[in-house]
Structure formats: structure tokens, C-alpha cells
Amino acid sequence: MNPARASAAGPCIYADAVIQMLLGLKQVFRPPLRVLQGFAHSLRELAFANLPVPNYSTLSRRAQTLTVLLPA
């Protein structure tokens, strides 16, 4: 079972930090959300085997409600 899942049939739960990191990268480099999803999958394969990676729809939905503040 995926460690990010609340239950076997329930929705995935992702930490705000993971979403903020990906959305922060989006603000700086301006890639599409699907590219960010692929980047996160690549990171998981290279170094973080247990990192739960949010999919495109989760990133898109959380981008509407989560504010990302980048330090100047």
C-alpha cells in the first residue's frame, strides 16, 4: 500500500511542503504542471524511493487554495 494513502480505497494525502516545493518551482521556472509531476517522479526514482508524488490533478486543485510565498 502506498504510504501516502489514507486507506486502501481512500484519497492520497500529500504534505503541504511537497506541494509548495513543486508550486514554488512552477513560479520560478514556469513549467507546466505535468512537467513538474514528471520531475517529481524522477526525483523519487533517483533518491527518494518512499516519496509520495502528487499527480497533475492534485497539483492543479491544491494550486488554487495553497499560497506559495517565495523569499525575495
PDB file of N, CA and C in Angstrom:
ATOM      1  N   MET A   1       0.843  -1.179   0.000  1.00  0.00           N
ATOM      2  CA  MET A   1       0.000   0.000   0.000  1.00  0.00           C
ATOM      3  C   MET A   1       0.887   1.241   0.000  1.00  0.00           C
ATOM      4  N   ASN A   2       0.502   2.237  -0.720  1.00  0.00           N
ATOM      5  CA  ASN A   2       1.216   3.500  -0.816  1.00  0.00           C
ATOM      6  C   ASN A   2       1.193   4.202   0.543  1.00  0.00           C
ATOM      7  N   PRO A   3       2.369   4.677   1.055  1.00  0.00           N
ATOM      8  CA  PRO A   3       2.377   5.321   2.363  1.00  0.00           C
ATOM      9  C   PRO A   3       1.601   6.635   2.400  1.00  0.00           C
ATOM     10  N   ALA A   4       1.290   7.211   1.258  1.00  0.00           N
ATOM     11  CA  ALA A   4       0.556   8.473   1.230  1.00  0.00           C
ATOM     12  C   ALA A   4      -0.951   8.251   1.292  1.00  0.00           C
ATOM     13  N   ARG A   5      -1.400   7.032   1.142  1.00  0.00           N
ATOM     14  CA  ARG A   5      -2.830   6.758   1.132  1.00  0.00           C
ATOM     15  C   ARG A   5      -3.388   6.698   2.541  1.00  0.00           C
ATOM     16  N   ALA A   6      -4.568   7.278   2.708  1.00  0.00           N
ATOM     17  CA  ALA A   6      -5.252   7.227   3.997  1.00  0.00           C
ATOM     18  C   ALA A   6      -5.818   5.834   4.237  1.00  0.00           C
ATOM     19  N   SER A   7      -6.291   5.197   3.182  1.00  0.00           N
ATOM     20  CA  SER A   7      -6.795   3.829   3.261  1.00  0.00           C
ATOM     21  C   SER A   7      -6.601   3.189   1.892  1.00  0.00           C
ATOM     22  N   ALA A   8      -6.936   1.914   1.787  1.00  0.00           N
ATOM     23  CA  ALA A   8      -6.729   1.216   0.517  1.00  0.00           C
ATOM     24  C   ALA A   8      -7.550   1.832  -0.612  1.00  0.00           C
ATOM     25  N   ALA A   9      -8.719   2.358  -0.301  1.00  0.00           N
ATOM     26  CA  ALA A   9      -9.571   2.942  -1.338  1.00  0.00           C
ATOM     27  C   ALA A   9      -9.719   4.452  -1.185  1.00  0.00           C
ATOM     28  N   GLY A  10      -9.065   5.024  -0.192  1.00  0.00           N
ATOM     29  CA  GLY A  10      -9.230   6.451   0.087  1.00  0.00           C
ATOM     30  C   GLY A  10      -8.314   7.320  -0.760  1.00  0.00           C
ATOM     31  N   PRO A  11      -8.497   8.618  -0.663  1.00  0.00           N
ATOM     32  CA  PRO A  11      -7.683   9.549  -1.450  1.00  0.00           C
ATOM     33  C   PRO A  11      -6.262   9.655  -0.896  1.00  0.00           C
ATOM     34  N   CYS A  12      -5.333  10.064  -1.747  1.00  0.00           N
ATOM     35  CA  CYS A  12      -3.958  10.276  -1.314  1.00  0.00           C
ATOM     36  C   CYS A  12      -3.876  11.561  -0.498  1.00  0.00           C
ATOM     37  N   ILE A  13      -3.009  11.547   0.483  1.00  0.00           N
ATOM     38  CA  ILE A  13      -2.789  12.717   1.317  1.00  0.00           C
ATOM     39  C   ILE A  13      -1.333  13.132   1.113  1.00  0.00           C
ATOM     40  N   TYR A  14      -1.106  14.354   0.685  1.00  0.00           N
ATOM     41  CA  TYR A  14       0.239  14.850   0.449  1.00  0.00           C
ATOM     42  C   TYR A  14       0.518  16.007   1.388  1.00  0.00           C
ATOM     43  N   ALA A  15       1.736  16.075   1.852  1.00  0.00           N
ATOM     44  CA  ALA A  15       2.130  17.165   2.737  1.00  0.00           C
ATOM     45  C   ALA A  15       2.131  18.479   1.965  1.00  0.00           C
ATOM     46  N   ASP A  16       1.785  19.554   2.661  1.00  0.00           N
ATOM     47  CA  ASP A  16       1.804  20.869   2.035  1.00  0.00           C
ATOM     48  C   ASP A  16       3.207  21.224   1.554  1.00  0.00           C
ATOM     49  N   ALA A  17       4.237  20.719   2.245  1.00  0.00           N
ATOM     50  CA  ALA A  17       5.612  21.040   1.863  1.00  0.00           C
ATOM     51  C   ALA A  17       5.948  20.520   0.464  1.00  0.00           C
ATOM     52  N   VAL A  18       5.480  19.328   0.139  1.00  0.00           N
ATOM     53  CA  VAL A  18       5.746  18.763  -1.196  1.00  0.00           C
ATOM     54  C   VAL A  18       5.034  19.589  -2.261  1.00  0.00           C
ATOM     55  N   ILE A  19       3.788  19.926  -2.014  1.00  0.00           N
ATOM     56  CA  ILE A  19       3.019  20.721  -2.969  1.00  0.00           C
ATOM     57  C   ILE A  19       3.640  22.111  -3.111  1.00  0.00           C
ATOM     58  N   GLN A  20       4.024  22.734  -1.988  1.00  0.00           N
ATOM     59  CA  GLN A  20       4.625  24.065  -2.041  1.00  0.00           C
ATOM     60  C   GLN A  20       5.951  24.048  -2.790  1.00  0.00           C
ATOM     61  N   MET A  21       6.752  23.001  -2.601  1.00  0.00           N
ATOM     62  CA  MET A  21       8.019  22.912  -3.318  1.00  0.00           C
ATOM     63  C   MET A  21       7.780  22.865  -4.833  1.00  0.00           C
ATOM     64  N   LEU A  22       6.851  22.030  -5.256  1.00  0.00           N
ATOM     65  CA  LEU A  22       6.581  21.909  -6.689  1.00  0.00           C
ATOM     66  C   LEU A  22       5.970  23.193  -7.250  1.00  0.00           C
ATOM     67  N   LEU A  23       5.058  23.809  -6.493  1.00  0.00           N
ATOM     68  CA  LEU A  23       4.453  25.050  -6.968  1.00  0.00           C
ATOM     69  C   LEU A  23       5.454  26.211  -6.932  1.00  0.00           C
ATOM     70  N   GLY A  24       6.401  26.174  -5.996  1.00  0.00           N
ATOM     71  CA  GLY A  24       7.470  27.167  -5.976  1.00  0.00           C
ATOM     72  C   GLY A  24       8.350  27.044  -7.207  1.00  0.00           C
ATOM     73  N   LEU A  25       8.653  25.808  -7.598  1.00  0.00           N
ATOM     74  CA  LEU A  25       9.411  25.585  -8.835  1.00  0.00           C
ATOM     75  C   LEU A  25       8.632  26.088 -10.037  1.00  0.00           C
ATOM     76  N   LYS A  26       7.316  25.939  -9.992  1.00  0.00           N
ATOM     77  CA  LYS A  26       6.487  26.426 -11.093  1.00  0.00           C
ATOM     78  C   LYS A  26       6.560  27.946 -11.200  1.00  0.00           C
ATOM     79  N   GLN A  27       6.553  28.641 -10.061  1.00  0.00           N
ATOM     80  CA  GLN A  27       6.635  30.099 -10.094  1.00  0.00           C
ATOM     81  C   GLN A  27       7.985  30.583 -10.617  1.00  0.00           C
ATOM     82  N   VAL A  28       9.055  29.863 -10.299  1.00  0.00           N
ATOM     83  CA  VAL A  28      10.391  30.304 -10.705  1.00  0.00           C
ATOM     84  C   VAL A  28      10.678  29.955 -12.163  1.00  0.00           C
ATOM     85  N   PHE A  29      10.440  28.711 -12.559  1.00  0.00           N
ATOM     86  CA  PHE A  29      10.842  28.245 -13.887  1.00  0.00           C
ATOM     87  C   PHE A  29       9.705  28.198 -14.907  1.00  0.00           C
ATOM     88  N   ARG A  30       8.457  28.344 -14.472  1.00  0.00           N
ATOM     89  CA  ARG A  30       7.272  28.381 -15.335  1.00  0.00           C
ATOM     90  C   ARG A  30       7.039  27.115 -16.184  1.00  0.00           C
ATOM     91  N   PRO A  31       7.307  25.914 -15.652  1.00  0.00           N
ATOM     92  CA  PRO A  31       6.972  24.719 -16.443  1.00  0.00           C
ATOM     93  C   PRO A  31       5.491  24.367 -16.265  1.00  0.00           C
ATOM     94  N   PRO A  32       4.919  23.610 -17.178  1.00  0.00           N
ATOM     95  CA  PRO A  32       3.546  23.117 -16.972  1.00  0.00           C
ATOM     96  C   PRO A  32       3.502  22.138 -15.793  1.00  0.00           C
ATOM     97  N   LEU A  33       2.316  21.954 -15.226  1.00  0.00           N
ATOM     98  CA  LEU A  33       2.184  21.075 -14.065  1.00  0.00           C
ATOM     99  C   LEU A  33       2.553  19.630 -14.384  1.00  0.00           C
ATOM    100  N   ARG A  34       2.297  19.195 -15.594  1.00  0.00           N
ATOM    101  CA  ARG A  34       2.651  17.808 -15.955  1.00  0.00           C
ATOM    102  C   ARG A  34       4.163  17.615 -15.982  1.00  0.00           C
ATOM    103  N   VAL A  35       4.904  18.647 -16.332  1.00  0.00           N
ATOM    104  CA  VAL A  35       6.367  18.568 -16.300  1.00  0.00           C
ATOM    105  C   VAL A  35       6.838  18.468 -14.848  1.00  0.00           C
ATOM    106  N   LEU A  36       6.210  19.220 -13.958  1.00  0.00           N
ATOM    107  CA  LEU A  36       6.553  19.132 -12.538  1.00  0.00           C
ATOM    108  C   LEU A  36       6.273  17.744 -11.982  1.00  0.00           C
ATOM    109  N   GLN A  37       5.190  17.152 -12.411  1.00  0.00           N
ATOM    110  CA  GLN A  37       4.866  15.799 -11.973  1.00  0.00           C
ATOM    111  C   GLN A  37       5.958  14.827 -12.438  1.00  0.00           C
ATOM    112  N   GLY A  38       6.390  14.942 -13.665  1.00  0.00           N
ATOM    113  CA  GLY A  38       7.463  14.088 -14.177  1.00  0.00           C
ATOM    114  C   GLY A  38       8.770  14.324 -13.441  1.00  0.00           C
ATOM    115  N   PHE A  39       9.067  15.579 -13.111  1.00  0.00           N
ATOM    116  CA  PHE A  39      10.266  15.909 -12.357  1.00  0.00           C
ATOM    117  C   PHE A  39      10.237  15.255 -10.980  1.00  0.00           C
ATOM    118  N   ALA A  40       9.097  15.318 -10.320  1.00  0.00           N
ATOM    119  CA  ALA A  40       8.962  14.705  -9.001  1.00  0.00           C
ATOM    120  C   ALA A  40       9.103  13.183  -9.089  1.00  0.00           C
ATOM    121  N   HIS A  41       8.580  12.567 -10.145  1.00  0.00           N
ATOM    122  CA  HIS A  41       8.750  11.123 -10.336  1.00  0.00           C
ATOM    123  C   HIS A  41      10.219  10.783 -10.543  1.00  0.00           C
ATOM    124  N   SER A  42      10.939  11.617 -11.280  1.00  0.00           N
ATOM    125  CA  SER A  42      12.368  11.388 -11.499  1.00  0.00           C
ATOM    126  C   SER A  42      13.142  11.477 -10.186  1.00  0.00           C
ATOM    127  N   LEU A  43      12.807  12.472  -9.356  1.00  0.00           N
ATOM    128  CA  LEU A  43      13.452  12.586  -8.047  1.00  0.00           C
ATOM    129  C   LEU A  43      13.201  11.353  -7.203  1.00  0.00           C
ATOM    130  N   ARG A  44      11.973  10.864  -7.252  1.00  0.00           N
ATOM    131  CA  ARG A  44      11.640   9.670  -6.473  1.00  0.00           C
ATOM    132  C   ARG A  44      12.452   8.470  -6.936  1.00  0.00           C
ATOM    133  N   GLU A  45      12.610   8.317  -8.238  1.00  0.00           N
ATOM    134  CA  GLU A  45      13.371   7.188  -8.753  1.00  0.00           C
ATOM    135  C   GLU A  45      14.853   7.303  -8.422  1.00  0.00           C
ATOM    136  N   LEU A  46      15.386   8.527  -8.407  1.00  0.00           N
ATOM    137  CA  LEU A  46      16.809   8.720  -8.155  1.00  0.00           C
ATOM    138  C   LEU A  46      17.185   8.614  -6.684  1.00  0.00           C
ATOM    139  N   ALA A  47      16.401   9.237  -5.815  1.00  0.00           N
ATOM    140  CA  ALA A  47      16.869   9.349  -4.446  1.00  0.00           C
ATOM    141  C   ALA A  47      15.831   9.029  -3.374  1.00  0.00           C
ATOM    142  N   PHE A  48      14.586   9.312  -3.625  1.00  0.00           N
ATOM    143  CA  PHE A  48      13.586   9.213  -2.568  1.00  0.00           C
ATOM    144  C   PHE A  48      12.557   8.147  -2.920  1.00  0.00           C
ATOM    145  N   ALA A  49      12.875   6.918  -2.627  1.00  0.00           N
ATOM    146  CA  ALA A  49      12.016   5.806  -3.039  1.00  0.00           C
ATOM    147  C   ALA A  49      10.636   5.854  -2.381  1.00  0.00           C
ATOM    148  N   ASN A  50      10.532   6.419  -1.199  1.00  0.00           N
ATOM    149  CA  ASN A  50       9.250   6.432  -0.481  1.00  0.00           C
ATOM    150  C   ASN A  50       8.505   7.747  -0.620  1.00  0.00           C
ATOM    151  N   LEU A  51       8.985   8.646  -1.467  1.00  0.00           N
ATOM    152  CA  LEU A  51       8.344   9.950  -1.637  1.00  0.00           C
ATOM    153  C   LEU A  51       7.027   9.794  -2.389  1.00  0.00           C
ATOM    154  N   PRO A  52       5.915  10.168  -1.759  1.00  0.00           N
ATOM    155  CA  PRO A  52       4.648  10.126  -2.496  1.00  0.00           C
ATOM    156  C   PRO A  52       4.575  11.312  -3.444  1.00  0.00           C
ATOM    157  N   VAL A  53       4.328  11.043  -4.717  1.00  0.00           N
ATOM    158  CA  VAL A  53       4.318  12.093  -5.736  1.00  0.00           C
ATOM    159  C   VAL A  53       2.879  12.412  -6.117  1.00  0.00           C
ATOM    160  N   PRO A  54       2.483  13.676  -5.959  1.00  0.00           N
ATOM    161  CA  PRO A  54       1.122  14.044  -6.355  1.00  0.00           C
ATOM    162  C   PRO A  54       0.968  14.047  -7.868  1.00  0.00           C
ATOM    163  N   ASN A  55      -0.220  13.694  -8.329  1.00  0.00           N
ATOM    164  CA  ASN A  55      -0.465  13.696  -9.766  1.00  0.00           C
ATOM    165  C   ASN A  55      -0.893  15.086 -10.232  1.00  0.00           C
ATOM    166  N   TYR A  56      -1.106  15.222 -11.516  1.00  0.00           N
ATOM    167  CA  TYR A  56      -1.427  16.516 -12.120  1.00  0.00           C
ATOM    168  C   TYR A  56      -2.691  17.131 -11.529  1.00  0.00           C
ATOM    169  N   SER A  57      -3.730  16.332 -11.375  1.00  0.00           N
ATOM    170  CA  SER A  57      -4.997  16.886 -10.883  1.00  0.00           C
ATOM    171  C   SER A  57      -4.875  17.361  -9.437  1.00  0.00           C
ATOM    172  N   THR A  58      -4.091  16.656  -8.622  1.00  0.00           N
ATOM    173  CA  THR A  58      -3.882  17.086  -7.244  1.00  0.00           C
ATOM    174  C   THR A  58      -3.116  18.395  -7.203  1.00  0.00           C
ATOM    175  N   LEU A  59      -2.062  18.508  -8.010  1.00  0.00           N
ATOM    176  CA  LEU A  59      -1.302  19.760  -8.079  1.00  0.00           C
ATOM    177  C   LEU A  59      -2.190  20.911  -8.530  1.00  0.00           C
ATOM    178  N   SER A  60      -2.989  20.663  -9.524  1.00  0.00           N
ATOM    179  CA  SER A  60      -3.861  21.704 -10.061  1.00  0.00           C
ATOM    180  C   SER A  60      -4.892  22.149  -9.025  1.00  0.00           C
ATOM    181  N   ARG A  61      -5.487  21.202  -8.338  1.00  0.00           N
ATOM    182  CA  ARG A  61      -6.508  21.516  -7.336  1.00  0.00           C
ATOM    183  C   ARG A  61      -5.905  22.248  -6.140  1.00  0.00           C
ATOM    184  N   ARG A  62      -4.749  21.778  -5.649  1.00  0.00           N
ATOM    185  CA  ARG A  62      -4.125  22.415  -4.487  1.00  0.00           C
ATOM    186  C   ARG A  62      -3.506  23.764  -4.832  1.00  0.00           C
ATOM    187  N   ALA A  63      -3.147  23.978  -6.093  1.00  0.00           N
ATOM    188  CA  ALA A  63      -2.585  25.269  -6.513  1.00  0.00           C
ATOM    189  C   ALA A  63      -3.606  26.383  -6.363  1.00  0.00           C
ATOM    190  N   GLN A  64      -4.873  26.055  -6.405  1.00  0.00           N
ATOM    191  CA  GLN A  64      -5.921  27.063  -6.280  1.00  0.00           C
ATOM    192  C   GLN A  64      -6.090  27.535  -4.846  1.00  0.00           C
ATOM    193  N   THR A  65      -5.786  26.688  -3.874  1.00  0.00           N
ATOM    194  CA  THR A  65      -6.041  27.040  -2.481  1.00  0.00           C
ATOM    195  C   THR A  65      -4.782  27.279  -1.656  1.00  0.00           C
ATOM    196  N   LEU A  66      -3.642  26.783  -2.090  1.00  0.00           N
ATOM    197  CA  LEU A  66      -2.412  26.887  -1.316  1.00  0.00           C
ATOM    198  C   LEU A  66      -1.596  28.081  -1.797  1.00  0.00           C
ATOM    199  N   THR A  67      -1.245  28.977  -0.894  1.00  0.00           N
ATOM    200  CA  THR A  67      -0.433  30.131  -1.274  1.00  0.00           C
ATOM    201  C   THR A  67       1.047  29.776  -1.127  1.00  0.00           C
ATOM    202  N   VAL A  68       1.813  30.111  -2.127  1.00  0.00           N
ATOM    203  CA  VAL A  68       3.248  29.853  -2.139  1.00  0.00           C
ATOM    204  C   VAL A  68       3.961  31.193  -2.033  1.00  0.00           C
ATOM    205  N   LEU A  69       4.724  31.348  -0.954  1.00  0.00           N
ATOM    206  CA  LEU A  69       5.474  32.573  -0.750  1.00  0.00           C
ATOM    207  C   LEU A  69       6.950  32.284  -0.977  1.00  0.00           C
ATOM    208  N   LEU A  70       7.536  32.990  -1.919  1.00  0.00           N
ATOM    209  CA  LEU A  70       8.964  32.830  -2.191  1.00  0.00           C
ATOM    210  C   LEU A  70       9.721  33.992  -1.539  1.00  0.00           C
ATOM    211  N   PRO A  71      10.783  33.681  -0.790  1.00  0.00           N
ATOM    212  CA  PRO A  71      11.549  34.773  -0.193  1.00  0.00           C
ATOM    213  C   PRO A  71      12.264  35.595  -1.271  1.00  0.00           C
ATOM    214  N   ALA A  72      12.349  36.874  -1.047  1.00  0.00           N
ATOM    215  CA  ALA A  72      12.959  37.758  -2.041  1.00  0.00           C
ATOM    216  C   ALA A  72      14.471  37.644  -2.018  1.00  0.00           C
TER     217      ALA A  72
END
